[in-house]
Amino acid sequence: MSRYLAQRLLGAIPTLIGVSLLTFLFIRLIPGDAIAARLGTSTALTPEQLASLRGRPVLVEITERLPATLELAAAAALIAIALGIPLGLLSAVRPRSRVDVAARVGGLVGLSLPSFWLGTLIIVLFSLYLRWLPNTGGYVDFVHDPLGNLRLQIFPAITLGLALAAATMRMTRSAMLDVLSADYVRTARAKGLRPGLVLRRHVLKNGLIVVVTLLGIQVGQLLGGAVVVE
C-alpha cells in the first residue's frame, strides 16, 4: 500500500508542475483585468507586479502565507478521512439500512453546500450568535500557541473538510460494496472466518486502494478551496 501510494504521489508531481506553468502562462496572455483597469494599465498584471505594489518579492509573499494554507488543508483532510471512511464503510456493511440512508443523504447535502455559504453560516451561528469562537480570521503558530491555533483553525477546517468528507464517504461506500460482492470475500466467509476478520484482511485492504487514489486528487484540490475559505 505504501509503495503504491508513493508511486501515485510521485506521478502527480509532473501534473502539478504542468498545471502551474499553464496557469502562469494564461495569466500573462489575458489582455486585461479589473485591477489593471483601476490602475490605468491596458495589460494584465503579473504576480510579480501585484507583489511589487506592496514592495515585496513574490517568494516572500508565498512563503509567509503557505504554512497557514497547508495547515488548513491538512486539517481539512484529516476531518474528511476521520468522517468519510468510517461512515462509508458502515454504510456499505449495512446497505439500505437507516444508517446507510442517513449517510447517503448527508453526503449529498455535504456535496451540495458551497464552502463560502457554509463558512458564512458557521460564523453567524457559532461566532456571532453562540459566541463560542472568534469570528475574525488570522493565523497563530501551533508551536507558540496550540490552543489559539486550534481556535482559529477549527471552523475553516470544518468548512473545507465537510465537502471532502462527503465525497470520501461516497467513494468508500462504492468501493466497499464492490469488494464485498467479490468472489474471494464470499470464499472467506464460506471458510468460516469472522466478519470482522474478513473486513480487515480482505475488504479494507483492497477497497481502500481506490479511495486512497481519489483522495490524493481531492487533497490537491483542497489548496484551491482553501483560498476561498481563508
C-alpha atoms as a PDB file:
ATOM      1  CA  MET A   1       0.000   0.000   0.000  1.00  0.00           C
ATOM      2  CA  SER A   2       2.771   2.467   0.930  1.00  0.00           C
ATOM      3  CA  ARG A   3       4.676   1.708  -2.282  1.00  0.00           C
ATOM      4  CA  TYR A   4       1.557   2.227  -4.379  1.00  0.00           C
ATOM      5  CA  LEU A   5       0.794   5.494  -2.585  1.00  0.00           C
ATOM      6  CA  ALA A   6       4.360   6.726  -3.120  1.00  0.00           C
ATOM      7  CA  GLN A   7       4.129   5.945  -6.845  1.00  0.00           C
ATOM      8  CA  ARG A   8       0.862   7.857  -7.149  1.00  0.00           C
ATOM      9  CA  LEU A   9       2.269  10.872  -5.320  1.00  0.00           C
ATOM     10  CA  LEU A  10       5.421  10.923  -7.447  1.00  0.00           C
ATOM     11  CA  GLY A  11       3.323  10.618 -10.589  1.00  0.00           C
ATOM     12  CA  ALA A  12       1.327  13.691  -9.577  1.00  0.00           C
ATOM     13  CA  ILE A  13       4.417  15.927  -9.456  1.00  0.00           C
ATOM     14  CA  PRO A  14       4.715  16.417 -13.268  1.00  0.00           C
ATOM     15  CA  THR A  15       0.988  17.163 -13.444  1.00  0.00           C
ATOM     16  CA  LEU A  16       1.224  19.833 -10.756  1.00  0.00           C
ATOM     17  CA  ILE A  17       4.233  21.420 -12.444  1.00  0.00           C
ATOM     18  CA  GLY A  18       2.461  21.448 -15.811  1.00  0.00           C
ATOM     19  CA  VAL A  19      -0.702  22.978 -14.366  1.00  0.00           C
ATOM     20  CA  SER A  20       1.335  25.665 -12.598  1.00  0.00           C
ATOM     21  CA  LEU A  21       3.179  26.574 -15.794  1.00  0.00           C
ATOM     22  CA  LEU A  22      -0.020  26.702 -17.851  1.00  0.00           C
ATOM     23  CA  THR A  23      -1.762  28.843 -15.236  1.00  0.00           C
ATOM     24  CA  PHE A  24       1.152  31.273 -15.157  1.00  0.00           C
ATOM     25  CA  LEU A  25       1.177  31.392 -18.974  1.00  0.00           C
ATOM     26  CA  PHE A  26      -2.564  32.035 -19.249  1.00  0.00           C
ATOM     27  CA  ILE A  27      -2.347  34.851 -16.704  1.00  0.00           C
ATOM     28  CA  ARG A  28       0.253  36.548 -18.877  1.00  0.00           C
ATOM     29  CA  LEU A  29      -1.839  36.069 -22.041  1.00  0.00           C
ATOM     30  CA  ILE A  30      -5.003  37.642 -20.611  1.00  0.00           C
ATOM     31  CA  PRO A  31      -5.464  41.062 -22.295  1.00  0.00           C
ATOM     32  CA  GLY A  32      -6.586  42.848 -19.128  1.00  0.00           C
ATOM     33  CA  ASP A  33      -8.420  42.616 -15.823  1.00  0.00           C
ATOM     34  CA  ALA A  34     -10.269  44.711 -13.276  1.00  0.00           C
ATOM     35  CA  ILE A  35      -7.186  45.547 -11.223  1.00  0.00           C
ATOM     36  CA  ALA A  36      -5.287  46.673 -14.295  1.00  0.00           C
ATOM     37  CA  ALA A  37      -8.220  48.860 -15.345  1.00  0.00           C
ATOM     38  CA  ARG A  38      -8.356  50.528 -11.934  1.00  0.00           C
ATOM     39  CA  LEU A  39      -4.624  51.236 -12.128  1.00  0.00           C
ATOM     40  CA  GLY A  40      -4.907  52.659 -15.636  1.00  0.00           C
ATOM     41  CA  THR A  41      -2.944  49.956 -17.461  1.00  0.00           C
ATOM     42  CA  SER A  42      -4.017  48.052 -20.574  1.00  0.00           C
ATOM     43  CA  THR A  43      -2.377  44.713 -19.797  1.00  0.00           C
ATOM     44  CA  ALA A  44      -2.973  42.174 -17.068  1.00  0.00           C
ATOM     45  CA  LEU A  45      -0.797  42.423 -14.002  1.00  0.00           C
ATOM     46  CA  THR A  46       1.594  39.561 -13.424  1.00  0.00           C
ATOM     47  CA  PRO A  47       2.091  38.068  -9.943  1.00  0.00           C
ATOM     48  CA  GLU A  48       5.411  39.905  -9.759  1.00  0.00           C
ATOM     49  CA  GLN A  49       3.687  43.228 -10.449  1.00  0.00           C
ATOM     50  CA  LEU A  50       0.961  42.527  -7.906  1.00  0.00           C
ATOM     51  CA  ALA A  51       3.566  41.794  -5.269  1.00  0.00           C
ATOM     52  CA  SER A  52       5.592  44.842  -6.270  1.00  0.00           C
ATOM     53  CA  LEU A  53       2.591  47.019  -5.403  1.00  0.00           C
ATOM     54  CA  ARG A  54       3.361  46.089  -1.831  1.00  0.00           C
ATOM     55  CA  GLY A  55       7.093  46.422  -2.377  1.00  0.00           C
ATOM     56  CA  ARG A  56       7.831  42.765  -1.574  1.00  0.00           C
ATOM     57  CA  PRO A  57       9.047  39.834  -3.722  1.00  0.00           C
ATOM     58  CA  VAL A  58       6.608  37.099  -4.718  1.00  0.00           C
ATOM     59  CA  LEU A  59       8.619  34.382  -2.976  1.00  0.00           C
ATOM     60  CA  VAL A  60       8.429  36.217   0.340  1.00  0.00           C
ATOM     61  CA  GLU A  61       4.659  36.633  -0.003  1.00  0.00           C
ATOM     62  CA  ILE A  62       4.196  32.936  -0.753  1.00  0.00           C
ATOM     63  CA  THR A  63       6.487  31.617   1.977  1.00  0.00           C
ATOM     64  CA  GLU A  64       4.752  33.732   4.613  1.00  0.00           C
ATOM     65  CA  ARG A  65       1.245  32.519   3.727  1.00  0.00           C
ATOM     66  CA  LEU A  66       1.882  28.972   2.551  1.00  0.00           C
ATOM     67  CA  PRO A  67       2.230  27.391   6.041  1.00  0.00           C
ATOM     68  CA  ALA A  68      -1.253  28.577   7.048  1.00  0.00           C
ATOM     69  CA  THR A  69      -2.766  27.245   3.813  1.00  0.00           C
ATOM     70  CA  LEU A  70      -1.009  23.883   4.133  1.00  0.00           C
ATOM     71  CA  GLU A  71      -2.062  23.567   7.764  1.00  0.00           C
ATOM     72  CA  LEU A  72      -5.671  24.325   6.883  1.00  0.00           C
ATOM     73  CA  ALA A  73      -5.633  21.803   4.025  1.00  0.00           C
ATOM     74  CA  ALA A  74      -4.070  19.135   6.261  1.00  0.00           C
ATOM     75  CA  ALA A  75      -6.668  19.703   8.987  1.00  0.00           C
ATOM     76  CA  ALA A  76      -9.488  19.510   6.440  1.00  0.00           C
ATOM     77  CA  ALA A  77      -8.040  16.279   5.020  1.00  0.00           C
ATOM     78  CA  LEU A  78      -7.873  14.731   8.497  1.00  0.00           C
ATOM     79  CA  ILE A  79     -11.503  15.657   9.137  1.00  0.00           C
ATOM     80  CA  ALA A  80     -12.522  14.182   5.785  1.00  0.00           C
ATOM     81  CA  ILE A  81     -10.680  10.921   6.446  1.00  0.00           C
ATOM     82  CA  ALA A  82     -11.946  10.627  10.028  1.00  0.00           C
ATOM     83  CA  LEU A  83     -15.561  11.113   8.938  1.00  0.00           C
ATOM     84  CA  GLY A  84     -15.723   9.830   5.374  1.00  0.00           C
ATOM     85  CA  ILE A  85     -14.034   6.434   5.586  1.00  0.00           C
ATOM     86  CA  PRO A  86     -15.830   5.111   8.724  1.00  0.00           C
ATOM     87  CA  LEU A  87     -19.224   6.354   7.507  1.00  0.00           C
ATOM     88  CA  GLY A  88     -18.667   4.908   4.038  1.00  0.00           C
ATOM     89  CA  LEU A  89     -17.597   1.569   5.485  1.00  0.00           C
ATOM     90  CA  LEU A  90     -20.560   1.429   7.856  1.00  0.00           C
ATOM     91  CA  SER A  91     -22.917   2.365   5.041  1.00  0.00           C
ATOM     92  CA  ALA A  92     -21.529  -0.393   2.809  1.00  0.00           C
ATOM     93  CA  VAL A  93     -21.693  -3.051   5.524  1.00  0.00           C
ATOM     94  CA  ARG A  94     -25.350  -2.198   6.238  1.00  0.00           C
ATOM     95  CA  PRO A  95     -26.868  -1.332   2.847  1.00  0.00           C
ATOM     96  CA  ARG A  96     -30.419   0.040   2.697  1.00  0.00           C
ATOM     97  CA  SER A  97     -30.479   0.497   6.464  1.00  0.00           C
ATOM     98  CA  ARG A  98     -31.237   3.707   8.325  1.00  0.00           C
ATOM     99  CA  VAL A  99     -27.533   4.335   8.762  1.00  0.00           C
ATOM    100  CA  ASP A 100     -26.983   3.889   5.036  1.00  0.00           C
ATOM    101  CA  VAL A 101     -29.819   6.240   4.111  1.00  0.00           C
ATOM    102  CA  ALA A 102     -28.673   8.874   6.615  1.00  0.00           C
ATOM    103  CA  ALA A 103     -25.065   8.666   5.390  1.00  0.00           C
ATOM    104  CA  ARG A 104     -26.084   8.959   1.745  1.00  0.00           C
ATOM    105  CA  VAL A 105     -28.366  11.920   2.409  1.00  0.00           C
ATOM    106  CA  GLY A 106     -25.660  13.583   4.487  1.00  0.00           C
ATOM    107  CA  GLY A 107     -23.133  13.009   1.725  1.00  0.00           C
ATOM    108  CA  LEU A 108     -25.443  14.547  -0.848  1.00  0.00           C
ATOM    109  CA  VAL A 109     -26.042  17.585   1.358  1.00  0.00           C
ATOM    110  CA  GLY A 110     -22.322  17.948   2.041  1.00  0.00           C
ATOM    111  CA  LEU A 111     -21.511  17.949  -1.656  1.00  0.00           C
ATOM    112  CA  SER A 112     -24.285  20.434  -2.424  1.00  0.00           C
ATOM    113  CA  LEU A 113     -23.322  23.134   0.086  1.00  0.00           C
ATOM    114  CA  PRO A 114     -20.923  25.786  -1.274  1.00  0.00           C
ATOM    115  CA  SER A 115     -17.953  26.353   1.009  1.00  0.00           C
ATOM    116  CA  PHE A 116     -18.425  30.130   1.125  1.00  0.00           C
ATOM    117  CA  TRP A 117     -22.077  29.744   2.190  1.00  0.00           C
ATOM    118  CA  LEU A 118     -21.267  27.090   4.786  1.00  0.00           C
ATOM    119  CA  GLY A 119     -18.441  29.218   6.179  1.00  0.00           C
ATOM    120  CA  THR A 120     -20.723  32.227   6.485  1.00  0.00           C
ATOM    121  CA  LEU A 121     -23.379  30.120   8.214  1.00  0.00           C
ATOM    122  CA  ILE A 122     -20.839  28.758  10.705  1.00  0.00           C
ATOM    123  CA  ILE A 123     -19.585  32.263  11.513  1.00  0.00           C
ATOM    124  CA  VAL A 124     -23.103  33.601  12.067  1.00  0.00           C
ATOM    125  CA  LEU A 125     -24.260  30.650  14.166  1.00  0.00           C
ATOM    126  CA  PHE A 126     -21.239  29.714  16.266  1.00  0.00           C
ATOM    127  CA  SER A 127     -19.373  33.024  16.461  1.00  0.00           C
ATOM    128  CA  LEU A 128     -21.960  35.807  16.348  1.00  0.00           C
ATOM    129  CA  TYR A 129     -24.922  34.005  17.918  1.00  0.00           C
ATOM    130  CA  LEU A 130     -23.420  31.403  20.275  1.00  0.00           C
ATOM    131  CA  ARG A 131     -20.084  33.252  20.712  1.00  0.00           C
ATOM    132  CA  TRP A 132     -18.116  30.037  21.087  1.00  0.00           C
ATOM    133  CA  LEU A 133     -15.133  31.094  18.987  1.00  0.00           C
ATOM    134  CA  PRO A 134     -13.852  34.370  17.497  1.00  0.00           C
ATOM    135  CA  ASN A 135     -15.326  35.465  14.188  1.00  0.00           C
ATOM    136  CA  THR A 136     -12.189  37.196  12.925  1.00  0.00           C
ATOM    137  CA  GLY A 137      -9.561  35.442  10.867  1.00  0.00           C
ATOM    138  CA  GLY A 138      -5.850  35.228  11.464  1.00  0.00           C
ATOM    139  CA  TYR A 139      -3.055  32.764  11.991  1.00  0.00           C
ATOM    140  CA  VAL A 140      -1.238  31.736  15.149  1.00  0.00           C
ATOM    141  CA  ASP A 141       1.709  29.363  15.041  1.00  0.00           C
ATOM    142  CA  PHE A 142       0.823  25.987  16.552  1.00  0.00           C
ATOM    143  CA  VAL A 143       4.203  25.699  18.264  1.00  0.00           C
ATOM    144  CA  HIS A 144       3.854  29.006  20.112  1.00  0.00           C
ATOM    145  CA  ASP A 145       0.124  28.820  20.928  1.00  0.00           C
ATOM    146  CA  PRO A 146      -1.525  25.420  20.240  1.00  0.00           C
ATOM    147  CA  LEU A 147      -4.874  26.384  21.749  1.00  0.00           C
ATOM    148  CA  GLY A 148      -5.055  29.664  19.863  1.00  0.00           C
ATOM    149  CA  ASN A 149      -4.138  27.876  16.653  1.00  0.00           C
ATOM    150  CA  LEU A 150      -6.927  25.337  17.116  1.00  0.00           C
ATOM    151  CA  ARG A 151      -9.451  28.057  17.947  1.00  0.00           C
ATOM    152  CA  LEU A 152      -8.709  29.802  14.662  1.00  0.00           C
ATOM    153  CA  GLN A 153      -8.385  26.657  12.533  1.00  0.00           C
ATOM    154  CA  ILE A 154     -11.330  24.537  13.636  1.00  0.00           C
ATOM    155  CA  PHE A 155     -14.125  26.354  11.793  1.00  0.00           C
ATOM    156  CA  PRO A 156     -12.230  26.859   8.497  1.00  0.00           C
ATOM    157  CA  ALA A 157     -11.097  23.219   8.627  1.00  0.00           C
ATOM    158  CA  ILE A 158     -14.668  22.006   9.147  1.00  0.00           C
ATOM    159  CA  THR A 159     -15.912  24.246   6.337  1.00  0.00           C
ATOM    160  CA  LEU A 160     -13.291  22.931   3.947  1.00  0.00           C
ATOM    161  CA  GLY A 161     -13.389  19.326   5.144  1.00  0.00           C
ATOM    162  CA  LEU A 162     -17.123  18.610   5.071  1.00  0.00           C
ATOM    163  CA  ALA A 163     -17.372  18.543   1.279  1.00  0.00           C
ATOM    164  CA  LEU A 164     -14.311  16.295   1.056  1.00  0.00           C
ATOM    165  CA  ALA A 165     -15.736  14.074   3.809  1.00  0.00           C
ATOM    166  CA  ALA A 166     -18.957  13.688   1.826  1.00  0.00           C
ATOM    167  CA  ALA A 167     -17.045  12.764  -1.336  1.00  0.00           C
ATOM    168  CA  THR A 168     -14.827  10.363   0.619  1.00  0.00           C
ATOM    169  CA  MET A 169     -17.861   8.688   2.171  1.00  0.00           C
ATOM    170  CA  ARG A 170     -19.466   8.108  -1.219  1.00  0.00           C
ATOM    171  CA  MET A 171     -16.220   6.800  -2.728  1.00  0.00           C
ATOM    172  CA  THR A 172     -15.622   4.489   0.240  1.00  0.00           C
ATOM    173  CA  ARG A 173     -19.162   3.123   0.123  1.00  0.00           C
ATOM    174  CA  SER A 174     -18.968   2.397  -3.599  1.00  0.00           C
ATOM    175  CA  ALA A 175     -15.539   0.756  -3.348  1.00  0.00           C
ATOM    176  CA  MET A 176     -16.504  -1.371  -0.347  1.00  0.00           C
ATOM    177  CA  LEU A 177     -19.716  -2.575  -1.984  1.00  0.00           C
ATOM    178  CA  ASP A 178     -17.714  -3.750  -4.996  1.00  0.00           C
ATOM    179  CA  VAL A 179     -15.253  -5.627  -2.787  1.00  0.00           C
ATOM    180  CA  LEU A 180     -17.963  -7.140  -0.578  1.00  0.00           C
ATOM    181  CA  SER A 181     -19.544  -8.745  -3.640  1.00  0.00           C
ATOM    182  CA  ALA A 182     -16.245 -10.223  -4.868  1.00  0.00           C
ATOM    183  CA  ASP A 183     -15.727 -13.990  -5.044  1.00  0.00           C
ATOM    184  CA  TYR A 184     -12.774 -14.088  -2.645  1.00  0.00           C
ATOM    185  CA  VAL A 185     -14.833 -12.361   0.049  1.00  0.00           C
ATOM    186  CA  ARG A 186     -17.611 -14.924  -0.312  1.00  0.00           C
ATOM    187  CA  THR A 187     -14.976 -17.671  -0.165  1.00  0.00           C
ATOM    188  CA  ALA A 188     -13.515 -16.232   3.030  1.00  0.00           C
ATOM    189  CA  ARG A 189     -16.960 -16.154   4.594  1.00  0.00           C
ATOM    190  CA  ALA A 190     -17.646 -19.723   3.462  1.00  0.00           C
ATOM    191  CA  LYS A 191     -14.467 -20.850   5.234  1.00  0.00           C
ATOM    192  CA  GLY A 192     -15.940 -19.631   8.500  1.00  0.00           C
ATOM    193  CA  LEU A 193     -13.833 -16.523   9.073  1.00  0.00           C
ATOM    194  CA  ARG A 194     -15.290 -13.988  11.452  1.00  0.00           C
ATOM    195  CA  PRO A 195     -16.959 -10.964   9.784  1.00  0.00           C
ATOM    196  CA  GLY A 196     -14.546  -8.557  11.448  1.00  0.00           C
ATOM    197  CA  LEU A 197     -11.550 -10.541  10.234  1.00  0.00           C
ATOM    198  CA  VAL A 198     -12.915 -10.662   6.680  1.00  0.00           C
ATOM    199  CA  LEU A 199     -13.478  -6.933   6.817  1.00  0.00           C
ATOM    200  CA  ARG A 200      -9.956  -6.134   7.996  1.00  0.00           C
ATOM    201  CA  ARG A 201      -7.976  -8.606   5.903  1.00  0.00           C
ATOM    202  CA  HIS A 202      -9.861  -8.647   2.624  1.00  0.00           C
ATOM    203  CA  VAL A 203     -12.341  -5.791   2.304  1.00  0.00           C
ATOM    204  CA  LEU A 204     -10.396  -2.837   3.683  1.00  0.00           C
ATOM    205  CA  LYS A 205      -7.084  -3.874   2.168  1.00  0.00           C
ATOM    206  CA  ASN A 206      -8.483  -3.983  -1.361  1.00  0.00           C
ATOM    207  CA  GLY A 207     -11.238  -1.401  -1.168  1.00  0.00           C
ATOM    208  CA  LEU A 208      -9.082   1.429   0.145  1.00  0.00           C
ATOM    209  CA  ILE A 209      -6.824   1.379  -2.929  1.00  0.00           C
ATOM    210  CA  VAL A 210      -9.410   3.278  -4.955  1.00  0.00           C
ATOM    211  CA  VAL A 211     -10.204   5.580  -2.040  1.00  0.00           C
ATOM    212  CA  VAL A 212      -6.549   6.490  -1.463  1.00  0.00           C
ATOM    213  CA  THR A 213      -6.058   7.209  -5.167  1.00  0.00           C
ATOM    214  CA  LEU A 214      -9.047   9.532  -5.364  1.00  0.00           C
ATOM    215  CA  LEU A 215      -8.174  11.131  -2.031  1.00  0.00           C
ATOM    216  CA  GLY A 216      -4.805  12.147  -3.443  1.00  0.00           C
ATOM    217  CA  ILE A 217      -6.582  14.025  -6.218  1.00  0.00           C
ATOM    218  CA  GLN A 218      -9.094  15.602  -3.846  1.00  0.00           C
ATOM    219  CA  VAL A 219      -6.430  16.722  -1.369  1.00  0.00           C
ATOM    220  CA  GLY A 220      -4.670  18.579  -4.174  1.00  0.00           C
ATOM    221  CA  GLN A 221      -7.902  20.458  -4.838  1.00  0.00           C
ATOM    222  CA  LEU A 222      -8.057  21.492  -1.187  1.00  0.00           C
ATOM    223  CA  LEU A 223      -5.335  24.057  -1.801  1.00  0.00           C
ATOM    224  CA  GLY A 224      -7.599  25.853  -4.260  1.00  0.00           C
ATOM    225  CA  GLY A 225     -10.592  25.641  -1.943  1.00  0.00           C
ATOM    226  CA  ALA A 226      -8.516  26.879   0.977  1.00  0.00           C
ATOM    227  CA  VAL A 227      -8.095  30.230  -0.762  1.00  0.00           C
ATOM    228  CA  VAL A 228     -11.865  30.807  -0.736  1.00  0.00           C
ATOM    229  CA  VAL A 229     -12.268  29.668   2.872  1.00  0.00           C
ATOM    230  CA  GLU A 230      -9.339  31.760   4.074  1.00  0.00           C
END
